[in-house]
Amino acid sequence: GLLLSTGIPRGDTDLGMERLTETARLIREGGFTGYLHLKVLPGASRSDIAEIAKYATRLSINLEAPDAPHLAELATVKEYKSDLLQRHKWLAEIMPHKHSTQFVVGAADETDYDIFKTVMTSYEKYNPARVYYSAFHALSNTPLETHENTPVWRANRWYQVDALLRLYGYSRQETSPVFDEDGMLLNTDPKVLLARSLPQVNPADADFAELIRVPGIGPVSAGRILQSRDSADVRNPQVLRDLGVIMKRALPYLSLGRTKQTRLCAFA
């Protein structure tokens, strides 16, 4: 696939979108039928977005920061609500569930909970295909060259949180405990962190939502467990392994009948 972006030539957004659209048209007319991800410019008109969507597999506009005050720390020439959020909304209307956005984590000294609130609103209102996260890295000869770099683990943890929201259906309320009292993510697998406060799950009678909240069980293996109940003993560890469950991760959070699995935190 291809990802196609552009700067804003001479500060002219319309010209930038015109050139980007023309390039995408030539790529398609040249016979390319694969994945084509096109980045919309801040401030682009709705008509230009609708035109470029004719050639795109996916469209995106990067919000970069969770709100206007934090964006002002990064880009003084962009209006958060009008240039970015409004375009994010238009992308959702023009290419439903075929658009995305990105945040630069740590660049504006925002908390992870600040990002979380905006990400949740985005998924609830605009239903993007996904959200991307990039750990900030300072570059020489830029206004933020002395800013501390964001550890890569923080962006990686964000991808894990995002999966819980996007693929596992975790709600705003049940996800909130992954943040500490300062609103920052802990460097711990968020699914494991949340599972520690849940009762053990019996795979023989749990529903899909309960199964996928067990570490080591994903949507595919949860579906296999539900399909196999009538023909196999899904409380048997080997059966669960054969169904794709990662037992090393799942075992402390499962109730398997005769053998009660005890978590270390129970002794705390």
Protein backbone atom coordinates (compact mmCIF):
# COMPACT_ATOMS: atom_id res chain seq x y z
CA GLY A 1 0.00 0.00 0.00
CA LEU A 2 0.87 3.67 -0.24
CA LEU A 3 0.58 6.58 2.20
CA LEU A 4 0.50 9.95 0.47
CA SER A 5 0.89 13.28 2.27
CA THR A 6 2.07 16.80 1.52
CA GLY A 7 3.10 20.04 3.11
CA ILE A 8 1.13 23.21 2.50
CA PRO A 9 2.75 24.94 -0.54
CA ARG A 10 3.16 28.67 0.12
CA GLY A 11 0.58 28.36 2.89
CA ASP A 12 -2.13 27.57 0.32
CA THR A 13 -4.27 24.69 1.60
CA ASP A 14 -6.43 24.62 -1.54
CA LEU A 15 -3.36 24.28 -3.76
CA GLY A 16 -1.96 21.53 -1.53
CA MET A 17 -5.21 19.57 -1.72
CA GLU A 18 -5.40 20.09 -5.49
CA ARG A 19 -1.92 18.66 -5.99
CA LEU A 20 -2.56 15.79 -3.60
CA THR A 21 -5.80 14.90 -5.37
CA GLU A 22 -4.17 15.08 -8.79
CA THR A 23 -1.36 12.80 -7.64
CA ALA A 24 -3.87 10.29 -6.25
CA ARG A 25 -5.84 10.41 -9.53
CA LEU A 26 -2.73 9.71 -11.58
CA ILE A 27 -1.80 6.81 -9.30
CA ARG A 28 -5.23 5.22 -9.79
CA GLU A 29 -5.37 5.89 -13.50
CA GLY A 30 -1.89 4.41 -13.79
CA GLY A 31 -3.35 1.07 -12.71
CA PHE A 32 -2.66 0.98 -8.96
CA THR A 33 -5.60 -0.72 -7.24
CA GLY A 34 -4.08 -1.33 -3.83
CA TYR A 35 -4.36 0.38 -0.47
CA LEU A 36 -4.01 4.16 -0.74
CA HIS A 37 -3.96 6.21 2.47
CA LEU A 38 -4.29 9.96 1.86
CA LYS A 39 -3.69 12.62 4.53
CA VAL A 40 -6.09 15.57 4.45
CA LEU A 41 -4.64 19.01 5.12
CA PRO A 42 -5.85 21.08 8.10
CA GLY A 43 -8.41 23.60 6.86
CA ALA A 44 -9.24 21.67 3.68
CA SER A 45 -12.68 22.37 2.21
CA ARG A 46 -15.39 19.74 2.40
CA SER A 47 -15.65 19.63 -1.39
CA ASP A 48 -11.90 18.96 -1.71
CA ILE A 49 -12.17 16.17 0.87
CA ALA A 50 -15.10 14.63 -1.00
CA GLU A 51 -13.11 14.76 -4.24
CA ILE A 52 -9.96 13.17 -2.87
CA ALA A 53 -12.05 10.45 -1.18
CA LYS A 54 -12.86 9.09 -4.66
CA TYR A 55 -9.30 7.74 -4.88
CA ALA A 56 -8.64 6.80 -1.24
CA THR A 57 -8.84 3.55 0.65
CA ARG A 58 -8.44 5.55 3.85
CA LEU A 59 -8.36 9.23 4.72
CA SER A 60 -6.82 10.78 7.82
CA ILE A 61 -6.25 14.07 9.55
CA ASN A 62 -3.94 14.22 12.55
CA LEU A 63 -5.38 15.85 15.65
CA GLU A 64 -1.86 15.70 17.19
CA ALA A 65 -3.04 16.93 20.62
CA PRO A 66 -6.11 16.29 22.80
CA ASP A 67 -7.44 19.87 22.81
CA ALA A 68 -6.86 23.44 21.70
CA PRO A 69 -4.62 24.59 24.59
CA HIS A 70 -2.26 21.66 24.08
CA LEU A 71 -2.22 22.09 20.29
CA ALA A 72 -1.21 25.72 20.82
CA GLU A 73 2.00 24.42 22.38
CA LEU A 74 2.81 22.62 19.12
CA ALA A 75 1.35 24.63 16.25
CA THR A 76 0.24 28.23 16.58
CA VAL A 77 -1.14 28.47 13.04
CA LYS A 78 -3.73 25.67 13.41
CA GLU A 79 -7.18 26.19 14.91
CA TYR A 80 -8.05 22.98 16.76
CA LYS A 81 -11.82 23.13 16.44
CA SER A 82 -12.19 24.57 12.94
CA ASP A 83 -9.09 23.25 11.16
CA LEU A 84 -8.89 19.78 12.73
CA LEU A 85 -12.00 18.64 14.61
CA GLN A 86 -14.38 19.89 11.92
CA ARG A 87 -12.38 18.01 9.26
CA HIS A 88 -12.31 14.91 11.47
CA LYS A 89 -16.12 15.10 11.52
CA TRP A 90 -16.31 15.53 7.74
CA LEU A 91 -14.06 12.52 7.20
CA ALA A 92 -16.44 10.46 9.33
CA GLU A 93 -19.37 11.56 7.17
CA ILE A 94 -17.63 11.16 3.80
CA MET A 95 -15.78 7.89 4.52
CA PRO A 96 -17.51 6.23 7.51
CA HIS A 97 -15.14 3.90 9.41
CA LYS A 98 -12.52 4.40 6.70
CA HIS A 99 -10.70 7.31 8.31
CA SER A 100 -8.14 7.68 11.09
CA THR A 101 -6.22 10.19 13.18
CA GLN A 102 -3.01 10.39 15.20
CA PHE A 103 -1.73 11.88 18.47
CA VAL A 104 1.84 12.86 19.27
CA VAL A 105 2.16 11.55 22.82
CA GLY A 106 3.95 13.78 25.31
CA ALA A 107 4.80 16.68 23.02
CA ALA A 108 2.56 19.19 24.79
CA ASP A 109 2.94 17.85 28.34
CA GLU A 110 -0.62 16.55 28.25
CA THR A 111 -1.65 13.72 30.55
CA ASP A 112 -2.67 10.36 29.19
CA TYR A 113 -6.12 10.95 30.62
CA ASP A 114 -6.35 14.12 28.49
CA ILE A 115 -5.68 11.97 25.43
CA PHE A 116 -8.09 9.30 26.66
CA LYS A 117 -11.02 11.71 26.87
CA THR A 118 -10.49 12.86 23.29
CA VAL A 119 -9.91 9.33 21.98
CA MET A 120 -13.11 8.07 23.64
CA THR A 121 -15.11 10.97 22.21
CA SER A 122 -13.65 10.27 18.78
CA TYR A 123 -14.65 6.61 18.87
CA GLU A 124 -18.10 7.43 20.27
CA LYS A 125 -18.94 10.27 17.86
CA TYR A 126 -16.87 9.67 14.71
CA ASN A 127 -16.12 5.92 14.68
CA PRO A 128 -12.66 6.04 13.05
CA ALA A 129 -11.15 2.82 11.74
CA ARG A 130 -8.37 3.36 14.25
CA VAL A 131 -6.23 5.91 16.07
CA TYR A 132 -2.42 6.05 15.88
CA TYR A 133 0.01 7.13 18.60
CA SER A 134 3.53 8.45 18.13
CA ALA A 135 5.98 9.03 20.99
CA PHE A 136 7.40 12.56 20.78
CA HIS A 137 11.07 12.76 19.80
CA ALA A 138 12.80 16.15 19.84
CA LEU A 139 14.64 17.33 16.72
CA SER A 140 17.48 19.80 16.58
CA ASN A 141 16.79 23.32 15.33
CA THR A 142 13.07 23.13 16.11
CA PRO A 143 11.10 25.05 18.78
CA LEU A 144 10.83 21.87 20.89
CA GLU A 145 14.46 20.75 20.53
CA THR A 146 15.02 20.94 24.32
CA HIS A 147 11.78 19.16 25.20
CA GLU A 148 12.16 15.79 26.90
CA ASN A 149 11.56 12.79 24.65
CA THR A 150 8.56 10.59 25.39
CA PRO A 151 9.50 7.01 26.29
CA VAL A 152 8.43 4.59 23.56
CA TRP A 153 6.67 2.37 26.11
CA ARG A 154 4.08 5.09 26.67
CA ALA A 155 2.98 5.03 23.02
CA ASN A 156 3.05 1.22 23.08
CA ARG A 157 0.77 1.18 26.13
CA TRP A 158 -1.55 3.50 24.25
CA TYR A 159 -1.89 0.98 21.44
CA GLN A 160 -2.86 -1.61 24.06
CA VAL A 161 -5.47 0.70 25.60
CA ASP A 162 -6.76 1.52 22.13
CA ALA A 163 -7.23 -2.17 21.36
CA LEU A 164 -9.36 -2.54 24.49
CA LEU A 165 -11.58 0.31 23.30
CA ARG A 166 -11.70 -0.52 19.60
CA LEU A 167 -11.65 -4.33 19.52
CA TYR A 168 -12.80 -5.43 22.95
CA GLY A 169 -15.57 -2.92 23.63
CA TYR A 170 -14.30 -1.61 26.96
CA SER A 171 -16.30 1.38 28.17
CA ARG A 172 -15.02 4.74 29.30
CA GLN A 173 -15.80 3.93 32.93
CA GLU A 174 -14.23 0.48 33.09
CA THR A 175 -11.05 1.66 31.35
CA SER A 176 -10.43 4.64 33.66
CA PRO A 177 -8.52 2.64 36.33
CA VAL A 178 -5.54 2.19 33.98
CA PHE A 179 -4.51 5.78 34.81
CA ASP A 180 -2.74 6.76 38.01
CA GLU A 181 -3.74 9.67 40.27
CA ASP A 182 -1.83 12.06 37.99
CA GLY A 183 -3.71 10.86 34.91
CA MET A 184 -0.77 8.93 33.47
CA LEU A 185 -0.64 5.39 32.12
CA LEU A 186 1.25 2.84 34.15
CA ASN A 187 3.90 0.79 32.35
CA THR A 188 1.80 -2.34 32.81
CA ASP A 189 -0.37 -4.26 30.36
CA PRO A 190 -3.72 -2.45 30.81
CA LYS A 191 -5.77 -5.59 30.21
CA VAL A 192 -3.92 -7.36 33.02
CA LEU A 193 -4.29 -4.33 35.27
CA LEU A 194 -8.06 -4.24 34.78
CA ALA A 195 -8.47 -8.02 35.07
CA ARG A 196 -6.97 -8.02 38.56
CA SER A 197 -10.12 -6.41 39.95
CA LEU A 198 -12.56 -8.77 38.18
CA PRO A 199 -13.89 -12.12 39.48
CA GLN A 200 -12.41 -15.26 37.96
CA VAL A 201 -14.14 -16.41 34.80
CA ASN A 202 -15.54 -19.89 34.22
CA PRO A 203 -15.11 -20.59 30.48
CA ALA A 204 -17.95 -23.11 30.63
CA ASP A 205 -20.61 -20.47 31.29
CA ALA A 206 -19.07 -17.04 30.67
CA ASP A 207 -20.39 -14.90 27.84
CA PHE A 208 -18.26 -13.37 25.09
CA ALA A 209 -17.72 -10.05 26.88
CA GLU A 210 -16.53 -11.83 30.02
CA LEU A 211 -14.18 -14.12 28.12
CA ILE A 212 -12.39 -11.38 26.20
CA ARG A 213 -11.63 -9.54 29.44
CA VAL A 214 -9.37 -12.42 30.47
CA PRO A 215 -5.70 -11.82 29.56
CA GLY A 216 -4.62 -14.39 26.99
CA ILE A 217 -8.11 -14.66 25.48
CA GLY A 218 -8.90 -12.58 22.42
CA PRO A 219 -11.98 -12.31 20.20
CA VAL A 220 -10.98 -15.33 18.09
CA SER A 221 -10.24 -17.71 20.97
CA ALA A 222 -13.34 -16.46 22.85
CA GLY A 223 -15.46 -17.33 19.82
CA ARG A 224 -13.87 -20.79 19.65
CA ILE A 225 -14.64 -21.42 23.32
CA LEU A 226 -18.30 -20.54 22.79
CA GLN A 227 -18.49 -22.79 19.71
CA SER A 228 -16.80 -25.74 21.46
CA ARG A 229 -18.78 -25.93 24.69
CA ASP A 230 -21.15 -28.63 23.49
CA SER A 231 -18.37 -30.88 22.20
CA ALA A 232 -15.39 -30.29 24.50
CA ASP A 233 -14.57 -29.66 28.14
CA VAL A 234 -13.53 -26.00 27.93
CA ARG A 235 -12.42 -26.13 31.58
CA ASN A 236 -9.55 -28.38 30.55
CA PRO A 237 -6.32 -26.34 30.17
CA GLN A 238 -5.14 -28.37 27.18
CA VAL A 239 -8.47 -27.89 25.41
CA LEU A 240 -8.18 -24.16 26.00
CA ARG A 241 -4.63 -24.16 24.61
CA ASP A 242 -5.86 -25.98 21.52
CA LEU A 243 -8.50 -23.27 21.11
CA GLY A 244 -5.84 -20.59 21.07
CA VAL A 245 -5.86 -19.40 24.68
CA ILE A 246 -2.46 -18.29 26.02
CA MET A 247 -2.71 -20.20 29.28
CA LYS A 248 0.36 -18.63 30.89
CA ARG A 249 -1.51 -15.31 30.85
CA ALA A 250 -5.04 -16.58 31.32
CA LEU A 251 -4.69 -19.17 34.09
CA PRO A 252 -4.73 -16.80 37.11
CA TYR A 253 -8.00 -15.26 35.90
CA LEU A 254 -9.91 -18.49 35.16
CA SER A 255 -12.06 -20.68 37.34
CA LEU A 256 -11.61 -24.23 36.02
CA GLY A 257 -13.75 -26.30 38.36
CA ARG A 258 -11.91 -28.55 40.83
CA THR A 259 -8.72 -26.49 40.80
CA LYS A 260 -9.16 -23.00 42.06
CA GLN A 261 -6.53 -20.61 40.69
CA THR A 262 -5.33 -18.11 43.27
CA ARG A 263 -3.85 -14.78 42.29
CA LEU A 264 -0.83 -13.36 44.07
CA CYS A 265 -2.74 -10.17 44.82
CA ALA A 266 -5.09 -12.20 47.06
CA PHE A 267 -2.25 -12.47 49.57
CA ALA A 268 -1.52 -8.75 49.58
